[in-house]
Amino acid sequence: MVDFKLANIVNDRAMVDAAKKVTEEILTDDPDLSKPENVALKEFLQSQKGKTIWSKIS
């Protein structure tokens, strides 16, 4: 799976915007991430829940 890192909001603007667009498309199409192509992503996100200080930000 991907090794997520923090983005630099200025230098990585195009990448952040692209990631946001793809995220919105995925969640609009499959809000529960239950489609076969999204199950691995759902499992990864669930496995990471509460493991970082960033998970406490809402």
N, C-alpha and C. Protein backbone atom coordinates (compact mmCIF):
# COMPACT_ATOMS: atom_id res chain seq x y z
N MET A 1 0.83 -1.17 0.00
CA MET A 1 0.00 0.00 0.00
C MET A 1 0.88 1.24 0.00
N VAL A 2 0.30 2.36 -0.19
CA VAL A 2 1.01 3.63 -0.27
C VAL A 2 1.52 4.06 1.09
N ASP A 3 2.72 4.63 1.11
CA ASP A 3 3.28 5.19 2.33
C ASP A 3 2.88 6.67 2.37
N PHE A 4 1.82 6.98 3.09
CA PHE A 4 1.31 8.34 3.13
C PHE A 4 2.26 9.27 3.86
N LYS A 5 2.41 10.46 3.32
CA LYS A 5 3.23 11.50 3.92
C LYS A 5 2.43 12.80 3.90
N LEU A 6 2.85 13.74 4.71
CA LEU A 6 2.20 15.04 4.70
C LEU A 6 2.62 15.81 3.45
N ALA A 7 1.69 16.53 2.89
CA ALA A 7 1.97 17.33 1.69
C ALA A 7 2.31 18.75 2.10
N ASN A 8 3.11 19.39 1.28
CA ASN A 8 3.38 20.81 1.42
C ASN A 8 2.28 21.52 0.63
N ILE A 9 1.43 22.24 1.31
CA ILE A 9 0.24 22.82 0.68
C ILE A 9 0.58 23.77 -0.46
N VAL A 10 1.76 24.38 -0.43
CA VAL A 10 2.17 25.30 -1.50
C VAL A 10 2.82 24.53 -2.64
N ASN A 11 3.84 23.76 -2.34
CA ASN A 11 4.59 23.06 -3.37
C ASN A 11 3.83 21.91 -4.01
N ASP A 12 2.91 21.31 -3.28
CA ASP A 12 2.21 20.12 -3.75
C ASP A 12 0.75 20.40 -4.11
N ARG A 13 0.43 21.65 -4.37
CA ARG A 13 -0.95 22.06 -4.61
C ARG A 13 -1.65 21.23 -5.69
N ALA A 14 -0.98 21.04 -6.83
CA ALA A 14 -1.61 20.29 -7.93
C ALA A 14 -1.89 18.84 -7.51
N MET A 15 -0.95 18.24 -6.80
CA MET A 15 -1.13 16.86 -6.36
C MET A 15 -2.26 16.76 -5.32
N VAL A 16 -2.31 17.70 -4.41
CA VAL A 16 -3.36 17.71 -3.39
C VAL A 16 -4.73 17.89 -4.05
N ASP A 17 -4.81 18.79 -5.02
CA ASP A 17 -6.08 18.99 -5.72
C ASP A 17 -6.50 17.74 -6.48
N ALA A 18 -5.54 17.08 -7.14
CA ALA A 18 -5.85 15.85 -7.88
C ALA A 18 -6.31 14.75 -6.93
N ALA A 19 -5.64 14.62 -5.79
CA ALA A 19 -6.01 13.60 -4.80
C ALA A 19 -7.41 13.88 -4.25
N LYS A 20 -7.70 15.13 -4.01
CA LYS A 20 -9.03 15.51 -3.50
C LYS A 20 -10.11 15.15 -4.51
N LYS A 21 -9.85 15.43 -5.79
CA LYS A 21 -10.82 15.14 -6.85
C LYS A 21 -11.08 13.63 -6.94
N VAL A 22 -10.02 12.84 -6.92
CA VAL A 22 -10.17 11.39 -7.01
C VAL A 22 -10.91 10.86 -5.78
N THR A 23 -10.57 11.38 -4.60
CA THR A 23 -11.25 10.97 -3.37
C THR A 23 -12.74 11.26 -3.44
N GLU A 24 -13.09 12.44 -3.89
CA GLU A 24 -14.50 12.81 -4.01
C GLU A 24 -15.21 11.90 -5.01
N GLU A 25 -14.55 11.56 -6.11
CA GLU A 25 -15.17 10.68 -7.11
C GLU A 25 -15.41 9.28 -6.53
N ILE A 26 -14.41 8.77 -5.83
CA ILE A 26 -14.55 7.43 -5.23
C ILE A 26 -15.69 7.42 -4.22
N LEU A 27 -15.71 8.40 -3.33
CA LEU A 27 -16.72 8.41 -2.27
C LEU A 27 -18.12 8.74 -2.78
N THR A 28 -18.22 9.49 -3.87
CA THR A 28 -19.53 9.74 -4.48
C THR A 28 -20.08 8.46 -5.08
N ASP A 29 -19.19 7.70 -5.72
CA ASP A 29 -19.59 6.46 -6.37
C ASP A 29 -19.79 5.31 -5.39
N ASP A 30 -19.00 5.31 -4.31
CA ASP A 30 -19.01 4.17 -3.37
C ASP A 30 -18.75 4.68 -1.94
N PRO A 31 -19.74 5.33 -1.33
CA PRO A 31 -19.52 5.95 -0.02
C PRO A 31 -19.11 4.99 1.09
N ASP A 32 -19.47 3.73 0.98
CA ASP A 32 -19.11 2.75 2.01
C ASP A 32 -17.84 1.98 1.66
N LEU A 33 -17.26 2.29 0.50
CA LEU A 33 -16.07 1.58 0.01
C LEU A 33 -16.31 0.07 0.00
N SER A 34 -17.47 -0.32 -0.48
CA SER A 34 -17.83 -1.73 -0.48
C SER A 34 -17.64 -2.40 -1.83
N LYS A 35 -17.39 -1.63 -2.87
CA LYS A 35 -17.13 -2.23 -4.18
C LYS A 35 -15.80 -2.97 -4.14
N PRO A 36 -15.70 -4.06 -4.89
CA PRO A 36 -14.48 -4.88 -4.84
C PRO A 36 -13.19 -4.07 -5.05
N GLU A 37 -13.22 -3.09 -5.94
CA GLU A 37 -12.01 -2.32 -6.21
C GLU A 37 -11.64 -1.37 -5.07
N ASN A 38 -12.54 -1.18 -4.10
CA ASN A 38 -12.27 -0.26 -2.99
C ASN A 38 -12.10 -0.96 -1.64
N VAL A 39 -12.31 -2.26 -1.60
CA VAL A 39 -12.23 -2.99 -0.33
C VAL A 39 -10.84 -2.91 0.29
N ALA A 40 -9.79 -3.04 -0.50
CA ALA A 40 -8.42 -2.96 0.05
C ALA A 40 -8.16 -1.58 0.65
N LEU A 41 -8.66 -0.55 0.01
CA LEU A 41 -8.50 0.81 0.54
C LEU A 41 -9.23 0.93 1.87
N LYS A 42 -10.46 0.42 1.94
CA LYS A 42 -11.23 0.47 3.18
C LYS A 42 -10.51 -0.26 4.31
N GLU A 43 -9.99 -1.45 4.01
CA GLU A 43 -9.29 -2.24 5.02
C GLU A 43 -8.02 -1.51 5.50
N PHE A 44 -7.30 -0.90 4.57
CA PHE A 44 -6.10 -0.15 4.95
C PHE A 44 -6.48 1.02 5.86
N LEU A 45 -7.48 1.79 5.46
CA LEU A 45 -7.88 2.95 6.27
C LEU A 45 -8.35 2.52 7.66
N GLN A 46 -9.08 1.42 7.73
CA GLN A 46 -9.54 0.93 9.04
C GLN A 46 -8.36 0.47 9.89
N SER A 47 -7.35 -0.12 9.26
CA SER A 47 -6.19 -0.59 10.02
C SER A 47 -5.35 0.56 10.56
N GLN A 48 -5.46 1.74 9.95
CA GLN A 48 -4.69 2.90 10.37
C GLN A 48 -5.41 3.77 11.39
N LYS A 49 -6.67 3.50 11.60
CA LYS A 49 -7.49 4.33 12.49
C LYS A 49 -6.88 4.38 13.90
N GLY A 50 -6.64 5.59 14.36
CA GLY A 50 -6.13 5.79 15.71
C GLY A 50 -4.63 5.57 15.88
N LYS A 51 -3.91 5.30 14.82
CA LYS A 51 -2.48 5.02 14.92
C LYS A 51 -1.59 6.26 14.82
N THR A 52 -2.16 7.38 14.45
CA THR A 52 -1.35 8.59 14.33
C THR A 52 -2.01 9.72 15.07
N ILE A 53 -1.24 10.75 15.37
CA ILE A 53 -1.84 11.92 16.03
C ILE A 53 -2.83 12.62 15.10
N TRP A 54 -2.64 12.44 13.78
CA TRP A 54 -3.54 13.08 12.81
C TRP A 54 -4.93 12.48 12.84
N SER A 55 -5.07 11.28 13.36
CA SER A 55 -6.38 10.65 13.39
C SER A 55 -7.30 11.30 14.43
N LYS A 56 -6.73 12.12 15.28
CA LYS A 56 -7.53 12.77 16.30
C LYS A 56 -8.05 14.13 15.84
N ILE A 57 -7.67 14.54 14.64
CA ILE A 57 -8.13 15.82 14.08
C ILE A 57 -9.44 15.58 13.36
N SER A 58 -10.41 16.42 13.63
CA SER A 58 -11.70 16.25 12.95
C SER A 58 -12.06 17.46 12.13
